[in-house]
ModelCIF file with pLDDT and N, C-alpha, C, O atoms, coordinates in Angstrom:
data_MODEL
#
_entry.id   MODEL 
#
_entity.id                         1 
_entity.type                       polymer 
_entity.pdbx_number_of_molecules   1 
#
_entity_poly.entity_id                      1 
_entity_poly.type                           'polypeptide(L)' 
_entity_poly.nstd_linkage                   no 
_entity_poly.nstd_monomer                   no 
_entity_poly.pdbx_seq_one_letter_code       KTLAVNHLAPFLLTHLLRDRLEQTARAEGQARIVNVGSEAHRGA 
_entity_poly.pdbx_seq_one_letter_code_can   KTLAVNHLAPFLLTHLLRDRLEQTARAEGQARIVNVGSEAHRGA 
_entity_poly.pdbx_strand_id                 A 
#
loop_
_entity_poly_seq.entity_id 
_entity_poly_seq.num 
_entity_poly_seq.mon_id 
_entity_poly_seq.hetero 
1 1  LYS n 
1 2  THR n 
1 3  LEU n 
1 4  ALA n 
1 5  VAL n 
1 6  ASN n 
1 7  HIS n 
1 8  LEU n 
1 9  ALA n 
1 10 PRO n 
1 11 PHE n 
1 12 LEU n 
1 13 LEU n 
1 14 THR n 
1 15 HIS n 
1 16 LEU n 
1 17 LEU n 
1 18 ARG n 
1 19 ASP n 
1 20 ARG n 
1 21 LEU n 
1 22 GLU n 
1 23 GLN n 
1 24 THR n 
1 25 ALA n 
1 26 ARG n 
1 27 ALA n 
1 28 GLU n 
1 29 GLY n 
1 30 GLN n 
1 31 ALA n 
1 32 ARG n 
1 33 ILE n 
1 34 VAL n 
1 35 ASN n 
1 36 VAL n 
1 37 GLY n 
1 38 SER n 
1 39 GLU n 
1 40 ALA n 
1 41 HIS n 
1 42 ARG n 
1 43 GLY n 
1 44 ALA n 
#
_struct_asym.id          A 
_struct_asym.entity_id   1 
#
loop_
_ma_qa_metric.id 
_ma_qa_metric.mode 
_ma_qa_metric.name 
_ma_qa_metric.software_group_id 
_ma_qa_metric.type 
1 global pLDDT . pLDDT 
2 local  pLDDT . pLDDT 
#
_ma_qa_metric_global.metric_id      1 
_ma_qa_metric_global.metric_value   97.57 
_ma_qa_metric_global.model_id       1 
_ma_qa_metric_global.ordinal_id     1 
#
loop_
_ma_qa_metric_local.label_asym_id 
_ma_qa_metric_local.label_comp_id 
_ma_qa_metric_local.label_seq_id 
_ma_qa_metric_local.metric_id 
_ma_qa_metric_local.metric_value 
_ma_qa_metric_local.model_id 
_ma_qa_metric_local.ordinal_id 
A LYS 1  2 98.00 1 1  
A THR 2  2 98.00 1 2  
A LEU 3  2 98.00 1 3  
A ALA 4  2 98.00 1 4  
A VAL 5  2 98.00 1 5  
A ASN 6  2 98.00 1 6  
A HIS 7  2 98.00 1 7  
A LEU 8  2 98.00 1 8  
A ALA 9  2 98.00 1 9  
A PRO 10 2 98.00 1 10 
A PHE 11 2 98.00 1 11 
A LEU 12 2 98.00 1 12 
A LEU 13 2 98.00 1 13 
A THR 14 2 98.00 1 14 
A HIS 15 2 98.00 1 15 
A LEU 16 2 98.00 1 16 
A LEU 17 2 98.00 1 17 
A ARG 18 2 98.00 1 18 
A ASP 19 2 98.00 1 19 
A ARG 20 2 98.00 1 20 
A LEU 21 2 98.00 1 21 
A GLU 22 2 98.00 1 22 
A GLN 23 2 98.00 1 23 
A THR 24 2 98.00 1 24 
A ALA 25 2 98.00 1 25 
A ARG 26 2 98.00 1 26 
A ALA 27 2 98.00 1 27 
A GLU 28 2 97.00 1 28 
A GLY 29 2 97.00 1 29 
A GLN 30 2 98.00 1 30 
A ALA 31 2 98.00 1 31 
A ARG 32 2 98.00 1 32 
A ILE 33 2 99.00 1 33 
A VAL 34 2 98.00 1 34 
A ASN 35 2 98.00 1 35 
A VAL 36 2 98.00 1 36 
A GLY 37 2 97.00 1 37 
A SER 38 2 95.00 1 38 
A GLU 39 2 94.00 1 39 
A ALA 40 2 94.00 1 40 
A HIS 41 2 97.00 1 41 
A ARG 42 2 97.00 1 42 
A GLY 43 2 95.00 1 43 
A ALA 44 2 97.00 1 44 
#
loop_
_atom_site.group_PDB 
_atom_site.id 
_atom_site.type_symbol 
_atom_site.label_atom_id 
_atom_site.label_alt_id 
_atom_site.label_comp_id 
_atom_site.label_asym_id 
_atom_site.label_entity_id 
_atom_site.label_seq_id 
_atom_site.pdbx_PDB_ins_code 
_atom_site.Cartn_x 
_atom_site.Cartn_y 
_atom_site.Cartn_z 
_atom_site.occupancy 
_atom_site.B_iso_or_equiv 
_atom_site.pdbx_formal_charge 
_atom_site.auth_seq_id 
_atom_site.auth_comp_id 
_atom_site.auth_asym_id 
_atom_site.auth_atom_id 
_atom_site.pdbx_PDB_model_num 
ATOM 1   N N  . LYS A 1 1  ? 89.378  66.845 90.005  1.00 98.00 ? 1  LYS A N  1 
ATOM 2   C CA . LYS A 1 1  ? 90.410  67.422 89.141  1.00 98.00 ? 1  LYS A CA 1 
ATOM 3   C C  . LYS A 1 1  ? 90.604  68.925 89.313  1.00 98.00 ? 1  LYS A C  1 
ATOM 4   O O  . LYS A 1 1  ? 91.737  69.402 89.239  1.00 98.00 ? 1  LYS A O  1 
ATOM 5   N N  . THR A 1 2  ? 89.542  69.679 89.540  1.00 98.00 ? 2  THR A N  1 
ATOM 6   C CA . THR A 1 2  ? 89.704  71.127 89.721  1.00 98.00 ? 2  THR A CA 1 
ATOM 7   C C  . THR A 1 2  ? 90.535  71.412 90.962  1.00 98.00 ? 2  THR A C  1 
ATOM 8   O O  . THR A 1 2  ? 91.434  72.253 90.931  1.00 98.00 ? 2  THR A O  1 
ATOM 9   N N  . LEU A 1 3  ? 90.241  70.721 92.047  1.00 98.00 ? 3  LEU A N  1 
ATOM 10  C CA . LEU A 1 3  ? 91.017  70.874 93.273  1.00 98.00 ? 3  LEU A CA 1 
ATOM 11  C C  . LEU A 1 3  ? 92.458  70.431 93.039  1.00 98.00 ? 3  LEU A C  1 
ATOM 12  O O  . LEU A 1 3  ? 93.394  71.081 93.505  1.00 98.00 ? 3  LEU A O  1 
ATOM 13  N N  . ALA A 1 4  ? 92.634  69.331 92.322  1.00 98.00 ? 4  ALA A N  1 
ATOM 14  C CA . ALA A 1 4  ? 93.971  68.782 92.098  1.00 98.00 ? 4  ALA A CA 1 
ATOM 15  C C  . ALA A 1 4  ? 94.858  69.742 91.317  1.00 98.00 ? 4  ALA A C  1 
ATOM 16  O O  . ALA A 1 4  ? 95.997  69.988 91.715  1.00 98.00 ? 4  ALA A O  1 
ATOM 17  N N  . VAL A 1 5  ? 94.352  70.290 90.206  1.00 98.00 ? 5  VAL A N  1 
ATOM 18  C CA . VAL A 1 5  ? 95.172  71.143 89.343  1.00 98.00 ? 5  VAL A CA 1 
ATOM 19  C C  . VAL A 1 5  ? 95.306  72.556 89.905  1.00 98.00 ? 5  VAL A C  1 
ATOM 20  O O  . VAL A 1 5  ? 96.397  73.125 89.913  1.00 98.00 ? 5  VAL A O  1 
ATOM 21  N N  . ASN A 1 6  ? 94.194  73.121 90.375  1.00 98.00 ? 6  ASN A N  1 
ATOM 22  C CA . ASN A 1 6  ? 94.195  74.535 90.766  1.00 98.00 ? 6  ASN A CA 1 
ATOM 23  C C  . ASN A 1 6  ? 94.802  74.788 92.137  1.00 98.00 ? 6  ASN A C  1 
ATOM 24  O O  . ASN A 1 6  ? 95.361  75.857 92.380  1.00 98.00 ? 6  ASN A O  1 
ATOM 25  N N  . HIS A 1 7  ? 94.695  73.810 93.036  1.00 98.00 ? 7  HIS A N  1 
ATOM 26  C CA . HIS A 1 7  ? 95.247  74.030 94.378  1.00 98.00 ? 7  HIS A CA 1 
ATOM 27  C C  . HIS A 1 7  ? 96.325  73.030 94.779  1.00 98.00 ? 7  HIS A C  1 
ATOM 28  O O  . HIS A 1 7  ? 97.418  73.432 95.177  1.00 98.00 ? 7  HIS A O  1 
ATOM 29  N N  . LEU A 1 8  ? 96.037  71.740 94.680  1.00 98.00 ? 8  LEU A N  1 
ATOM 30  C CA . LEU A 1 8  ? 96.981  70.756 95.200  1.00 98.00 ? 8  LEU A CA 1 
ATOM 31  C C  . LEU A 1 8  ? 98.297  70.740 94.423  1.00 98.00 ? 8  LEU A C  1 
ATOM 32  O O  . LEU A 1 8  ? 99.365  70.564 95.011  1.00 98.00 ? 8  LEU A O  1 
ATOM 33  N N  . ALA A 1 9  ? 98.221  70.926 93.093  1.00 98.00 ? 9  ALA A N  1 
ATOM 34  C CA . ALA A 1 9  ? 99.458  70.936 92.293  1.00 98.00 ? 9  ALA A CA 1 
ATOM 35  C C  . ALA A 1 9  ? 100.373 72.095 92.680  1.00 98.00 ? 9  ALA A C  1 
ATOM 36  O O  . ALA A 1 9  ? 101.556 71.856 92.922  1.00 98.00 ? 9  ALA A O  1 
ATOM 37  N N  . PRO A 1 10 ? 99.891  73.339 92.753  1.00 98.00 ? 10 PRO A N  1 
ATOM 38  C CA . PRO A 1 10 ? 100.787 74.412 93.206  1.00 98.00 ? 10 PRO A CA 1 
ATOM 39  C C  . PRO A 1 10 ? 101.237 74.244 94.643  1.00 98.00 ? 10 PRO A C  1 
ATOM 40  O O  . PRO A 1 10 ? 102.370 74.585 94.982  1.00 98.00 ? 10 PRO A O  1 
ATOM 41  N N  . PHE A 1 11 ? 100.361 73.721 95.495  1.00 98.00 ? 11 PHE A N  1 
ATOM 42  C CA . PHE A 1 11 ? 100.740 73.445 96.888  1.00 98.00 ? 11 PHE A CA 1 
ATOM 43  C C  . PHE A 1 11 ? 101.911 72.465 96.922  1.00 98.00 ? 11 PHE A C  1 
ATOM 44  O O  . PHE A 1 11 ? 102.896 72.696 97.624  1.00 98.00 ? 11 PHE A O  1 
ATOM 45  N N  . LEU A 1 12 ? 101.807 71.375 96.166  1.00 98.00 ? 12 LEU A N  1 
ATOM 46  C CA . LEU A 1 12 ? 102.844 70.345 96.139  1.00 98.00 ? 12 LEU A CA 1 
ATOM 47  C C  . LEU A 1 12 ? 104.120 70.855 95.490  1.00 98.00 ? 12 LEU A C  1 
ATOM 48  O O  . LEU A 1 12 ? 105.204 70.684 96.047  1.00 98.00 ? 12 LEU A O  1 
ATOM 49  N N  . LEU A 1 13 ? 104.010 71.483 94.314  1.00 98.00 ? 13 LEU A N  1 
ATOM 50  C CA . LEU A 1 13 ? 105.202 71.950 93.605  1.00 98.00 ? 13 LEU A CA 1 
ATOM 51  C C  . LEU A 1 13 ? 105.955 72.989 94.427  1.00 98.00 ? 13 LEU A C  1 
ATOM 52  O O  . LEU A 1 13 ? 107.185 72.978 94.476  1.00 98.00 ? 13 LEU A O  1 
ATOM 53  N N  . THR A 1 14 ? 105.216 73.880 95.067  1.00 98.00 ? 14 THR A N  1 
ATOM 54  C CA . THR A 1 14 ? 105.855 74.895 95.899  1.00 98.00 ? 14 THR A CA 1 
ATOM 55  C C  . THR A 1 14 ? 106.650 74.253 97.028  1.00 98.00 ? 14 THR A C  1 
ATOM 56  O O  . THR A 1 14 ? 107.765 74.679 97.328  1.00 98.00 ? 14 THR A O  1 
ATOM 57  N N  . HIS A 1 15 ? 106.075 73.229 97.653  1.00 98.00 ? 15 HIS A N  1 
ATOM 58  C CA . HIS A 1 15 ? 106.799 72.543 98.719  1.00 98.00 ? 15 HIS A CA 1 
ATOM 59  C C  . HIS A 1 15 ? 108.050 71.835 98.193  1.00 98.00 ? 15 HIS A C  1 
ATOM 60  O O  . HIS A 1 15 ? 109.089 71.826 98.855  1.00 98.00 ? 15 HIS A O  1 
ATOM 61  N N  . LEU A 1 16 ? 107.946 71.252 97.017  1.00 98.00 ? 16 LEU A N  1 
ATOM 62  C CA . LEU A 1 16 ? 109.092 70.544 96.452  1.00 98.00 ? 16 LEU A CA 1 
ATOM 63  C C  . LEU A 1 16 ? 110.224 71.494 96.076  1.00 98.00 ? 16 LEU A C  1 
ATOM 64  O O  . LEU A 1 16 ? 111.392 71.107 96.086  1.00 98.00 ? 16 LEU A O  1 
ATOM 65  N N  . LEU A 1 17 ? 109.877 72.746 95.742  1.00 98.00 ? 17 LEU A N  1 
ATOM 66  C CA . LEU A 1 17 ? 110.885 73.738 95.354  1.00 98.00 ? 17 LEU A CA 1 
ATOM 67  C C  . LEU A 1 17 ? 111.231 74.697 96.492  1.00 98.00 ? 17 LEU A C  1 
ATOM 68  O O  . LEU A 1 17 ? 112.028 75.619 96.315  1.00 98.00 ? 17 LEU A O  1 
ATOM 69  N N  . ARG A 1 18 ? 110.643 74.478 97.630  1.00 98.00 ? 18 ARG A N  1 
ATOM 70  C CA . ARG A 1 18 ? 110.799 75.421 98.737  1.00 98.00 ? 18 ARG A CA 1 
ATOM 71  C C  . ARG A 1 18 ? 112.242 75.583 99.166  1.00 98.00 ? 18 ARG A C  1 
ATOM 72  O O  . ARG A 1 18 ? 112.692 76.709 99.380  1.00 98.00 ? 18 ARG A O  1 
ATOM 73  N N  . ASP A 1 19 ? 112.979 74.492 99.298  1.00 98.00 ? 19 ASP A N  1 
ATOM 74  C CA . ASP A 1 19 ? 114.392 74.601 99.711  1.00 98.00 ? 19 ASP A CA 1 
ATOM 75  C C  . ASP A 1 19 ? 115.197 75.432 98.731  1.00 98.00 ? 19 ASP A C  1 
ATOM 76  O O  . ASP A 1 19 ? 116.010 76.264 99.135  1.00 98.00 ? 19 ASP A O  1 
ATOM 77  N N  . ARG A 1 20 ? 114.970 75.207 97.420  1.00 98.00 ? 20 ARG A N  1 
ATOM 78  C CA . ARG A 1 20 ? 115.713 75.953 96.414  1.00 98.00 ? 20 ARG A CA 1 
ATOM 79  C C  . ARG A 1 20 ? 115.345 77.444 96.471  1.00 98.00 ? 20 ARG A C  1 
ATOM 80  O O  . ARG A 1 20 ? 116.218 78.301 96.338  1.00 98.00 ? 20 ARG A O  1 
ATOM 81  N N  . LEU A 1 21 ? 114.073 77.749 96.666  1.00 98.00 ? 21 LEU A N  1 
ATOM 82  C CA . LEU A 1 21 ? 113.637 79.133 96.776  1.00 98.00 ? 21 LEU A CA 1 
ATOM 83  C C  . LEU A 1 21 ? 114.256 79.804 98.006  1.00 98.00 ? 21 LEU A C  1 
ATOM 84  O O  . LEU A 1 21 ? 114.699 80.950 97.937  1.00 98.00 ? 21 LEU A O  1 
ATOM 85  N N  . GLU A 1 22 ? 114.281 79.087 99.126  1.00 98.00 ? 22 GLU A N  1 
ATOM 86  C CA . GLU A 1 22 ? 114.865 79.656 100.349 1.00 98.00 ? 22 GLU A CA 1 
ATOM 87  C C  . GLU A 1 22 ? 116.380 79.834 100.193 1.00 98.00 ? 22 GLU A C  1 
ATOM 88  O O  . GLU A 1 22 ? 116.943 80.823 100.663 1.00 98.00 ? 22 GLU A O  1 
ATOM 89  N N  . GLN A 1 23 ? 117.028 78.886 99.540  1.00 98.00 ? 23 GLN A N  1 
ATOM 90  C CA . GLN A 1 23 ? 118.469 79.022 99.287  1.00 98.00 ? 23 GLN A CA 1 
ATOM 91  C C  . GLN A 1 23 ? 118.750 80.267 98.444  1.00 98.00 ? 23 GLN A C  1 
ATOM 92  O O  . GLN A 1 23 ? 119.684 81.020 98.720  1.00 98.00 ? 23 GLN A O  1 
ATOM 93  N N  . THR A 1 24 ? 117.931 80.469 97.419  1.00 98.00 ? 24 THR A N  1 
ATOM 94  C CA . THR A 1 24 ? 118.104 81.640 96.557  1.00 98.00 ? 24 THR A CA 1 
ATOM 95  C C  . THR A 1 24 ? 117.891 82.924 97.333  1.00 98.00 ? 24 THR A C  1 
ATOM 96  O O  . THR A 1 24 ? 118.634 83.892 97.172  1.00 98.00 ? 24 THR A O  1 
ATOM 97  N N  . ALA A 1 25 ? 116.868 82.925 98.177  1.00 98.00 ? 25 ALA A N  1 
ATOM 98  C CA . ALA A 1 25 ? 116.594 84.127 98.977  1.00 98.00 ? 25 ALA A CA 1 
ATOM 99  C C  . ALA A 1 25 ? 117.751 84.449 99.915  1.00 98.00 ? 25 ALA A C  1 
ATOM 100 O O  . ALA A 1 25 ? 118.100 85.615 100.099 1.00 98.00 ? 25 ALA A O  1 
ATOM 101 N N  . ARG A 1 26 ? 118.348 83.413 100.509 1.00 98.00 ? 26 ARG A N  1 
ATOM 102 C CA . ARG A 1 26 ? 119.500 83.662 101.396 1.00 98.00 ? 26 ARG A CA 1 
ATOM 103 C C  . ARG A 1 26 ? 120.683 84.226 100.623 1.00 98.00 ? 26 ARG A C  1 
ATOM 104 O O  . ARG A 1 26 ? 121.395 85.105 101.110 1.00 98.00 ? 26 ARG A O  1 
ATOM 105 N N  . ALA A 1 27 ? 120.886 83.710 99.410  1.00 98.00 ? 27 ALA A N  1 
ATOM 106 C CA . ALA A 1 27 ? 122.043 84.141 98.624  1.00 98.00 ? 27 ALA A CA 1 
ATOM 107 C C  . ALA A 1 27 ? 121.830 85.473 97.920  1.00 98.00 ? 27 ALA A C  1 
ATOM 108 O O  . ALA A 1 27 ? 122.759 86.270 97.792  1.00 98.00 ? 27 ALA A O  1 
ATOM 109 N N  . GLU A 1 28 ? 120.608 85.710 97.467  1.00 97.00 ? 28 GLU A N  1 
ATOM 110 C CA . GLU A 1 28 ? 120.343 86.871 96.610  1.00 97.00 ? 28 GLU A CA 1 
ATOM 111 C C  . GLU A 1 28 ? 119.518 87.961 97.286  1.00 97.00 ? 28 GLU A C  1 
ATOM 112 O O  . GLU A 1 28 ? 119.366 89.051 96.734  1.00 97.00 ? 28 GLU A O  1 
ATOM 113 N N  . GLY A 1 29 ? 118.986 87.681 98.467  1.00 97.00 ? 29 GLY A N  1 
ATOM 114 C CA . GLY A 1 29 ? 118.203 88.690 99.169  1.00 97.00 ? 29 GLY A CA 1 
ATOM 115 C C  . GLY A 1 29 ? 116.716 88.433 99.153  1.00 97.00 ? 29 GLY A C  1 
ATOM 116 O O  . GLY A 1 29 ? 116.006 88.817 100.082 1.00 97.00 ? 29 GLY A O  1 
ATOM 117 N N  . GLN A 1 30 ? 116.229 87.778 98.088  1.00 98.00 ? 30 GLN A N  1 
ATOM 118 C CA . GLN A 1 30 ? 114.815 87.451 98.019  1.00 98.00 ? 30 GLN A CA 1 
ATOM 119 C C  . GLN A 1 30 ? 114.554 86.450 96.902  1.00 98.00 ? 30 GLN A C  1 
ATOM 120 O O  . GLN A 1 30 ? 115.362 86.279 95.989  1.00 98.00 ? 30 GLN A O  1 
ATOM 121 N N  . ALA A 1 31 ? 113.405 85.798 97.003  1.00 98.00 ? 31 ALA A N  1 
ATOM 122 C CA . ALA A 1 31 ? 112.818 85.005 95.927  1.00 98.00 ? 31 ALA A CA 1 
ATOM 123 C C  . ALA A 1 31 ? 111.315 85.266 95.997  1.00 98.00 ? 31 ALA A C  1 
ATOM 124 O O  . ALA A 1 31 ? 110.804 85.723 97.019  1.00 98.00 ? 31 ALA A O  1 
ATOM 125 N N  . ARG A 1 32 ? 110.619 84.976 94.909  1.00 98.00 ? 32 ARG A N  1 
ATOM 126 C CA . ARG A 1 32 ? 109.197 85.302 94.869  1.00 98.00 ? 32 ARG A CA 1 
ATOM 127 C C  . ARG A 1 32 ? 108.360 84.126 94.378  1.00 98.00 ? 32 ARG A C  1 
ATOM 128 O O  . ARG A 1 32 ? 108.760 83.385 93.481  1.00 98.00 ? 32 ARG A O  1 
ATOM 129 N N  . ILE A 1 33 ? 107.195 83.979 94.987  1.00 99.00 ? 33 ILE A N  1 
ATOM 130 C CA . ILE A 1 33 ? 106.180 83.041 94.536  1.00 99.00 ? 33 ILE A CA 1 
ATOM 131 C C  . ILE A 1 33 ? 104.945 83.844 94.170  1.00 99.00 ? 33 ILE A C  1 
ATOM 132 O O  . ILE A 1 33 ? 104.453 84.642 94.968  1.00 99.00 ? 33 ILE A O  1 
ATOM 133 N N  . VAL A 1 34 ? 104.447 83.629 92.959  1.00 98.00 ? 34 VAL A N  1 
ATOM 134 C CA . VAL A 1 34 ? 103.239 84.307 92.487  1.00 98.00 ? 34 VAL A CA 1 
ATOM 135 C C  . VAL A 1 34 ? 102.167 83.266 92.233  1.00 98.00 ? 34 VAL A C  1 
ATOM 136 O O  . VAL A 1 34 ? 102.326 82.405 91.367  1.00 98.00 ? 34 VAL A O  1 
ATOM 137 N N  . ASN A 1 35 ? 101.084 83.338 92.978  1.00 98.00 ? 35 ASN A N  1 
ATOM 138 C CA . ASN A 1 35 ? 99.947  82.456 92.767  1.00 98.00 ? 35 ASN A CA 1 
ATOM 139 C C  . ASN A 1 35 ? 98.885  83.193 91.974  1.00 98.00 ? 35 ASN A C  1 
ATOM 140 O O  . ASN A 1 35 ? 98.386  84.229 92.413  1.00 98.00 ? 35 ASN A O  1 
ATOM 141 N N  . VAL A 1 36 ? 98.537  82.666 90.810  1.00 98.00 ? 36 VAL A N  1 
ATOM 142 C CA . VAL A 1 36 ? 97.533  83.313 89.972  1.00 98.00 ? 36 VAL A CA 1 
ATOM 143 C C  . VAL A 1 36 ? 96.151  82.888 90.469  1.00 98.00 ? 36 VAL A C  1 
ATOM 144 O O  . VAL A 1 36 ? 95.756  81.730 90.333  1.00 98.00 ? 36 VAL A O  1 
ATOM 145 N N  . GLY A 1 37 ? 95.441  83.827 91.034  1.00 97.00 ? 37 GLY A N  1 
ATOM 146 C CA . GLY A 1 37 ? 94.125  83.579 91.607  1.00 97.00 ? 37 GLY A CA 1 
ATOM 147 C C  . GLY A 1 37 ? 93.026  84.159 90.748  1.00 97.00 ? 37 GLY A C  1 
ATOM 148 O O  . GLY A 1 37 ? 93.183  84.324 89.538  1.00 97.00 ? 37 GLY A O  1 
ATOM 149 N N  . SER A 1 38 ? 91.909  84.467 91.386  1.00 95.00 ? 38 SER A N  1 
ATOM 150 C CA . SER A 1 38 ? 90.767  84.989 90.637  1.00 95.00 ? 38 SER A CA 1 
ATOM 151 C C  . SER A 1 38 ? 89.788  85.654 91.590  1.00 95.00 ? 38 SER A C  1 
ATOM 152 O O  . SER A 1 38 ? 89.658  85.259 92.749  1.00 95.00 ? 38 SER A O  1 
ATOM 153 N N  . GLU A 1 39 ? 89.103  86.669 91.084  1.00 94.00 ? 39 GLU A N  1 
ATOM 154 C CA . GLU A 1 39 ? 88.013  87.276 91.836  1.00 94.00 ? 39 GLU A CA 1 
ATOM 155 C C  . GLU A 1 39 ? 86.865  86.295 92.049  1.00 94.00 ? 39 GLU A C  1 
ATOM 156 O O  . GLU A 1 39 ? 85.950  86.571 92.825  1.00 94.00 ? 39 GLU A O  1 
ATOM 157 N N  . ALA A 1 40 ? 86.907  85.150 91.367  1.00 94.00 ? 40 ALA A N  1 
ATOM 158 C CA . ALA A 1 40 ? 85.905  84.102 91.581  1.00 94.00 ? 40 ALA A CA 1 
ATOM 159 C C  . ALA A 1 40 ? 85.959  83.549 92.998  1.00 94.00 ? 40 ALA A C  1 
ATOM 160 O O  . ALA A 1 40 ? 85.052  82.823 93.404  1.00 94.00 ? 40 ALA A O  1 
ATOM 161 N N  . HIS A 1 41 ? 87.010  83.876 93.769  1.00 97.00 ? 41 HIS A N  1 
ATOM 162 C CA . HIS A 1 41 ? 87.075  83.415 95.156  1.00 97.00 ? 41 HIS A CA 1 
ATOM 163 C C  . HIS A 1 41 ? 86.037  84.107 96.028  1.00 97.00 ? 41 HIS A C  1 
ATOM 164 O O  . HIS A 1 41 ? 85.664  83.600 97.086  1.00 97.00 ? 41 HIS A O  1 
ATOM 165 N N  . ARG A 1 42 ? 85.570  85.278 95.573  1.00 97.00 ? 42 ARG A N  1 
ATOM 166 C CA . ARG A 1 42 ? 84.602  86.037 96.378  1.00 97.00 ? 42 ARG A CA 1 
ATOM 167 C C  . ARG A 1 42 ? 83.253  85.309 96.362  1.00 97.00 ? 42 ARG A C  1 
ATOM 168 O O  . ARG A 1 42 ? 82.740  84.951 95.302  1.00 97.00 ? 42 ARG A O  1 
ATOM 169 N N  . GLY A 1 43 ? 82.702  85.102 97.530  1.00 95.00 ? 43 GLY A N  1 
ATOM 170 C CA . GLY A 1 43 ? 81.447  84.385 97.646  1.00 95.00 ? 43 GLY A CA 1 
ATOM 171 C C  . GLY A 1 43 ? 81.625  82.882 97.783  1.00 95.00 ? 43 GLY A C  1 
ATOM 172 O O  . GLY A 1 43 ? 80.662  82.161 98.044  1.00 95.00 ? 43 GLY A O  1 
ATOM 173 N N  . ALA A 1 44 ? 82.861  82.403 97.606  1.00 97.00 ? 44 ALA A N  1 
ATOM 174 C CA . ALA A 1 44 ? 83.131  80.962 97.741  1.00 97.00 ? 44 ALA A CA 1 
ATOM 175 C C  . ALA A 1 44 ? 83.451  80.624 99.184  1.00 97.00 ? 44 ALA A C  1 
ATOM 176 O O  . ALA A 1 44 ? 83.708  79.463 99.504  1.00 97.00 ? 44 ALA A O  1 
#
């Protein structure tokens, strides 16, 4: 579950919305994706 919610879900959702994000970037100049991470990645 930790892998599913913290990584696989954003990975999947981002891919599903990727076309819309790219369309917006072409029309408006940019779009942004912000992944909320953690310093807990250090040492992992």
